[in-house]
């Protein structure tokens, strides 16, 4: 008995047999008669905003939520690199009830003091004005997107002694 080996031919597949379609190379350029057109590069720009712009955006969002009234005004504080500015704002009547800054000569005194001491005095002047206007509380405390520093902390300490800062 002789063993007969049956040899099967090798199976050969093409790519379109396995995946079900035959793909031709695709040309991404548009078919035109004249090949002298310009292709502009696709540029994606980041949407990151600067720190100052994001502070402005935060401030606008806060002002939409909290509005001051004549009996409960909004306390707005801005602290620049060297000075501190504070305002009591009545948003309904669009009036500023109090304005104080560390630049005012009445707050600085005759022998000039430091800006931290002047920030404390601004807080004390704010309290005096609130007592004169019969204001017992503040609707919101607006820092205008700026961070806490030594001047802002000195101002907050002098104002919070009388319980004007909201919790």
C-alpha atoms as a PDB file:
ATOM      1  CA  UNK A   1       0.000   0.000   0.000  1.00  0.00           C
ATOM      2  CA  UNK A   2       1.450   3.114  -1.084  1.00  0.00           C
ATOM      3  CA  UNK A   3       0.521   6.310   0.615  1.00  0.00           C
ATOM      4  CA  UNK A   4      -0.560   8.951  -1.766  1.00  0.00           C
ATOM      5  CA  UNK A   5      -0.122  12.458  -0.565  1.00  0.00           C
ATOM      6  CA  UNK A   6      -2.609  14.852  -1.949  1.00  0.00           C
ATOM      7  CA  UNK A   7      -1.221  18.313  -2.074  1.00  0.00           C
ATOM      8  CA  UNK A   8      -3.693  21.140  -1.897  1.00  0.00           C
ATOM      9  CA  UNK A   9      -2.748  24.313  -3.665  1.00  0.00           C
ATOM     10  CA  UNK A  10      -1.790  27.218  -1.360  1.00  0.00           C
ATOM     11  CA  UNK A  11      -4.598  29.664  -0.705  1.00  0.00           C
ATOM     12  CA  UNK A  12      -3.899  33.173  -1.874  1.00  0.00           C
ATOM     13  CA  UNK A  13      -6.019  36.088  -0.667  1.00  0.00           C
ATOM     14  CA  UNK A  14      -6.067  39.662  -1.751  1.00  0.00           C
ATOM     15  CA  UNK A  15      -6.863  42.545   0.560  1.00  0.00           C
ATOM     16  CA  UNK A  16     -10.308  43.147  -0.917  1.00  0.00           C
ATOM     17  CA  UNK A  17     -11.246  39.498  -0.417  1.00  0.00           C
ATOM     18  CA  UNK A  18     -10.749  39.826   3.343  1.00  0.00           C
ATOM     19  CA  UNK A  19     -12.212  43.286   3.942  1.00  0.00           C
ATOM     20  CA  UNK A  20     -14.937  43.223   1.325  1.00  0.00           C
ATOM     21  CA  UNK A  21     -13.960  46.169  -0.862  1.00  0.00           C
ATOM     22  CA  UNK A  22     -11.265  47.104  -3.237  1.00  0.00           C
ATOM     23  CA  UNK A  23      -9.753  50.494  -2.497  1.00  0.00           C
ATOM     24  CA  UNK A  24      -7.901  52.592  -4.977  1.00  0.00           C
ATOM     25  CA  UNK A  25      -5.382  55.167  -3.856  1.00  0.00           C
ATOM     26  CA  UNK A  26      -7.318  58.328  -3.015  1.00  0.00           C
ATOM     27  CA  UNK A  27      -6.154  61.736  -4.146  1.00  0.00           C
ATOM     28  CA  UNK A  28      -6.978  64.394  -1.529  1.00  0.00           C
ATOM     29  CA  UNK A  29      -6.430  67.317  -3.863  1.00  0.00           C
ATOM     30  CA  UNK A  30      -9.444  68.583  -5.802  1.00  0.00           C
ATOM     31  CA  UNK A  31      -9.462  67.771  -9.514  1.00  0.00           C
ATOM     32  CA  UNK A  32      -8.727  70.977 -11.359  1.00  0.00           C
ATOM     33  CA  UNK A  33      -7.596  71.879 -14.819  1.00  0.00           C
ATOM     34  CA  UNK A  34      -5.058  74.374 -13.488  1.00  0.00           C
ATOM     35  CA  UNK A  35      -2.677  72.953 -10.873  1.00  0.00           C
ATOM     36  CA  UNK A  36      -1.557  76.401  -9.693  1.00  0.00           C
ATOM     37  CA  UNK A  37      -3.814  76.765  -6.636  1.00  0.00           C
ATOM     38  CA  UNK A  38      -2.562  77.516  -3.134  1.00  0.00           C
ATOM     39  CA  UNK A  39      -2.981  75.104  -0.271  1.00  0.00           C
ATOM     40  CA  UNK A  40      -3.178  76.938   3.075  1.00  0.00           C
ATOM     41  CA  UNK A  41      -1.953  75.072   6.136  1.00  0.00           C
ATOM     42  CA  UNK A  42      -4.541  74.131   8.751  1.00  0.00           C
ATOM     43  CA  UNK A  43      -3.697  76.025  11.934  1.00  0.00           C
ATOM     44  CA  UNK A  44      -5.385  75.371  15.275  1.00  0.00           C
ATOM     45  CA  UNK A  45      -5.061  78.140  17.847  1.00  0.00           C
ATOM     46  CA  UNK A  46      -5.327  77.489  21.556  1.00  0.00           C
ATOM     47  CA  UNK A  47      -8.186  79.095  23.451  1.00  0.00           C
ATOM     48  CA  UNK A  48      -6.228  79.787  26.605  1.00  0.00           C
ATOM     49  CA  UNK A  49      -6.940  83.220  27.995  1.00  0.00           C
ATOM     50  CA  UNK A  50      -4.564  85.420  29.875  1.00  0.00           C
ATOM     51  CA  UNK A  51      -4.782  85.673  33.648  1.00  0.00           C
ATOM     52  CA  UNK A  52      -6.185  89.206  33.510  1.00  0.00           C
ATOM     53  CA  UNK A  53      -8.883  88.202  31.053  1.00  0.00           C
ATOM     54  CA  UNK A  54      -9.957  85.250  33.153  1.00  0.00           C
ATOM     55  CA  UNK A  55     -10.230  87.538  36.198  1.00  0.00           C
ATOM     56  CA  UNK A  56     -12.476  89.838  34.181  1.00  0.00           C
ATOM     57  CA  UNK A  57     -14.615  86.903  33.106  1.00  0.00           C
ATOM     58  CA  UNK A  58     -14.984  85.740  36.715  1.00  0.00           C
ATOM     59  CA  UNK A  59     -15.939  89.257  37.788  1.00  0.00           C
ATOM     60  CA  UNK A  60     -18.643  89.544  35.120  1.00  0.00           C
ATOM     61  CA  UNK A  61     -20.089  86.203  36.170  1.00  0.00           C
ATOM     62  CA  UNK A  62     -20.228  87.294  39.835  1.00  0.00           C
ATOM     63  CA  UNK A  63     -21.921  90.596  38.959  1.00  0.00           C
ATOM     64  CA  UNK A  64     -24.678  88.741  37.113  1.00  0.00           C
ATOM     65  CA  UNK A  65     -25.539  86.806  40.262  1.00  0.00           C
ATOM     66  CA  UNK A  66     -25.249  89.502  42.946  1.00  0.00           C
ATOM     67  CA  UNK A  67     -26.669  92.983  42.703  1.00  0.00           C
ATOM     68  CA  UNK A  68     -26.499  95.686  45.306  1.00  0.00           C
ATOM     69  CA  UNK A  69     -29.495  97.578  46.664  1.00  0.00           C
ATOM     70  CA  UNK A  70     -29.567 100.827  48.680  1.00  0.00           C
ATOM     71  CA  UNK A  71     -29.953  98.867  51.937  1.00  0.00           C
ATOM     72  CA  UNK A  72     -27.623  95.978  50.968  1.00  0.00           C
ATOM     73  CA  UNK A  73     -24.969  97.308  48.567  1.00  0.00           C
ATOM     74  CA  UNK A  74     -22.257  95.299  46.865  1.00  0.00           C
ATOM     75  CA  UNK A  75     -18.769  95.766  48.296  1.00  0.00           C
ATOM     76  CA  UNK A  76     -16.291  95.877  45.421  1.00  0.00           C
ATOM     77  CA  UNK A  77     -12.563  95.804  46.196  1.00  0.00           C
ATOM     78  CA  UNK A  78      -9.740  96.099  43.687  1.00  0.00           C
ATOM     79  CA  UNK A  79      -6.122  95.683  44.648  1.00  0.00           C
ATOM     80  CA  UNK A  80      -3.489  96.811  42.160  1.00  0.00           C
ATOM     81  CA  UNK A  81       0.233  96.200  42.517  1.00  0.00           C
ATOM     82  CA  UNK A  82       0.636  99.057  44.991  1.00  0.00           C
ATOM     83  CA  UNK A  83      -2.793 100.361  46.044  1.00  0.00           C
ATOM     84  CA  UNK A  84      -6.218  99.225  47.264  1.00  0.00           C
ATOM     85  CA  UNK A  85      -9.551 100.656  46.097  1.00  0.00           C
ATOM     86  CA  UNK A  86     -12.929  99.931  47.752  1.00  0.00           C
ATOM     87  CA  UNK A  87     -16.458 100.869  46.673  1.00  0.00           C
ATOM     88  CA  UNK A  88     -19.964 100.333  47.977  1.00  0.00           C
ATOM     89  CA  UNK A  89     -22.160 100.033  44.891  1.00  0.00           C
ATOM     90  CA  UNK A  90     -25.943 100.332  44.594  1.00  0.00           C
ATOM     91  CA  UNK A  91     -26.568  98.465  41.322  1.00  0.00           C
ATOM     92  CA  UNK A  92     -30.299  99.180  41.187  1.00  0.00           C
ATOM     93  CA  UNK A  93     -29.859 102.964  41.092  1.00  0.00           C
ATOM     94  CA  UNK A  94     -26.373 102.754  39.528  1.00  0.00           C
ATOM     95  CA  UNK A  95     -24.763 104.800  42.291  1.00  0.00           C
ATOM     96  CA  UNK A  96     -21.545 104.572  44.227  1.00  0.00           C
ATOM     97  CA  UNK A  97     -22.349 105.005  47.930  1.00  0.00           C
ATOM     98  CA  UNK A  98     -18.726 105.002  49.131  1.00  0.00           C
ATOM     99  CA  UNK A  99     -15.332 105.207  47.495  1.00  0.00           C
ATOM    100  CA  UNK A 100     -12.069 104.914  49.329  1.00  0.00           C
ATOM    101  CA  UNK A 101      -8.514 104.196  48.276  1.00  0.00           C
ATOM    102  CA  UNK A 102      -5.077 104.118  49.795  1.00  0.00           C
ATOM    103  CA  UNK A 103      -4.132 107.092  47.599  1.00  0.00           C
ATOM    104  CA  UNK A 104      -6.436 109.584  49.333  1.00  0.00           C
ATOM    105  CA  UNK A 105      -4.595 112.157  51.413  1.00  0.00           C
ATOM    106  CA  UNK A 106      -7.278 112.086  54.110  1.00  0.00           C
ATOM    107  CA  UNK A 107      -6.633 108.371  54.606  1.00  0.00           C
ATOM    108  CA  UNK A 108      -2.848 108.437  54.219  1.00  0.00           C
ATOM    109  CA  UNK A 109      -2.418 111.130  56.865  1.00  0.00           C
ATOM    110  CA  UNK A 110       0.062 113.977  57.077  1.00  0.00           C
ATOM    111  CA  UNK A 111       3.071 111.785  57.724  1.00  0.00           C
ATOM    112  CA  UNK A 112       2.483 109.140  55.023  1.00  0.00           C
ATOM    113  CA  UNK A 113       1.840 105.636  56.308  1.00  0.00           C
ATOM    114  CA  UNK A 114       2.332 102.296  54.609  1.00  0.00           C
ATOM    115  CA  UNK A 115      -0.238 100.948  52.184  1.00  0.00           C
ATOM    116  CA  UNK A 116      -1.186  98.180  54.623  1.00  0.00           C
ATOM    117  CA  UNK A 117      -2.037 100.720  57.332  1.00  0.00           C
ATOM    118  CA  UNK A 118      -3.858 102.805  54.740  1.00  0.00           C
ATOM    119  CA  UNK A 119      -5.896  99.730  53.740  1.00  0.00           C
ATOM    120  CA  UNK A 120      -6.969  99.339  57.371  1.00  0.00           C
ATOM    121  CA  UNK A 121      -8.008 102.999  57.418  1.00  0.00           C
ATOM    122  CA  UNK A 122     -10.030 102.512  54.232  1.00  0.00           C
ATOM    123  CA  UNK A 123     -11.913  99.723  56.015  1.00  0.00           C
ATOM    124  CA  UNK A 124     -12.560 101.983  59.017  1.00  0.00           C
ATOM    125  CA  UNK A 125     -13.846 104.788  56.755  1.00  0.00           C
ATOM    126  CA  UNK A 126     -16.117 102.252  55.053  1.00  0.00           C
ATOM    127  CA  UNK A 127     -17.580 101.249  58.428  1.00  0.00           C
ATOM    128  CA  UNK A 128     -18.206 104.914  59.347  1.00  0.00           C
ATOM    129  CA  UNK A 129     -20.010 105.482  56.052  1.00  0.00           C
ATOM    130  CA  UNK A 130     -22.122 102.341  56.512  1.00  0.00           C
ATOM    131  CA  UNK A 131     -23.181 103.497  59.978  1.00  0.00           C
ATOM    132  CA  UNK A 132     -24.111 106.938  58.594  1.00  0.00           C
ATOM    133  CA  UNK A 133     -26.181 105.387  55.771  1.00  0.00           C
ATOM    134  CA  UNK A 134     -27.872 102.802  58.090  1.00  0.00           C
ATOM    135  CA  UNK A 135     -26.369  99.858  56.195  1.00  0.00           C
ATOM    136  CA  UNK A 136     -26.202  96.740  58.356  1.00  0.00           C
ATOM    137  CA  UNK A 137     -24.943  94.175  55.860  1.00  0.00           C
ATOM    138  CA  UNK A 138     -23.432  93.830  52.417  1.00  0.00           C
ATOM    139  CA  UNK A 139     -25.060  91.751  49.656  1.00  0.00           C
ATOM    140  CA  UNK A 140     -21.802  90.421  48.210  1.00  0.00           C
ATOM    141  CA  UNK A 141     -18.079  90.878  48.574  1.00  0.00           C
ATOM    142  CA  UNK A 142     -16.534  91.300  45.135  1.00  0.00           C
ATOM    143  CA  UNK A 143     -12.745  91.011  44.824  1.00  0.00           C
ATOM    144  CA  UNK A 144     -12.829  91.655  41.057  1.00  0.00           C
ATOM    145  CA  UNK A 145     -11.012  88.393  40.386  1.00  0.00           C
ATOM    146  CA  UNK A 146      -7.868  89.423  42.253  1.00  0.00           C
ATOM    147  CA  UNK A 147      -6.180  87.314  44.898  1.00  0.00           C
ATOM    148  CA  UNK A 148      -5.761  87.962  48.598  1.00  0.00           C
ATOM    149  CA  UNK A 149      -2.687  89.916  49.558  1.00  0.00           C
ATOM    150  CA  UNK A 150      -1.498  91.754  52.646  1.00  0.00           C
ATOM    151  CA  UNK A 151      -3.500  94.889  51.837  1.00  0.00           C
ATOM    152  CA  UNK A 152      -6.702  92.940  51.159  1.00  0.00           C
ATOM    153  CA  UNK A 153      -6.277  90.979  54.399  1.00  0.00           C
ATOM    154  CA  UNK A 154      -5.730  94.190  56.383  1.00  0.00           C
ATOM    155  CA  UNK A 155      -8.865  95.670  54.802  1.00  0.00           C
ATOM    156  CA  UNK A 156     -10.899  92.502  55.522  1.00  0.00           C
ATOM    157  CA  UNK A 157      -9.815  92.433  59.171  1.00  0.00           C
ATOM    158  CA  UNK A 158     -10.952  96.006  59.773  1.00  0.00           C
ATOM    159  CA  UNK A 159     -14.291  95.425  57.984  1.00  0.00           C
ATOM    160  CA  UNK A 160     -15.010  92.001  59.492  1.00  0.00           C
ATOM    161  CA  UNK A 161     -14.672  93.384  63.049  1.00  0.00           C
ATOM    162  CA  UNK A 162     -18.091  94.946  62.525  1.00  0.00           C
ATOM    163  CA  UNK A 163     -19.578  91.907  60.737  1.00  0.00           C
ATOM    164  CA  UNK A 164     -20.057  93.445  57.293  1.00  0.00           C
ATOM    165  CA  UNK A 165     -18.470  90.699  55.218  1.00  0.00           C
ATOM    166  CA  UNK A 166     -20.970  88.009  54.110  1.00  0.00           C
ATOM    167  CA  UNK A 167     -20.192  84.434  54.976  1.00  0.00           C
END
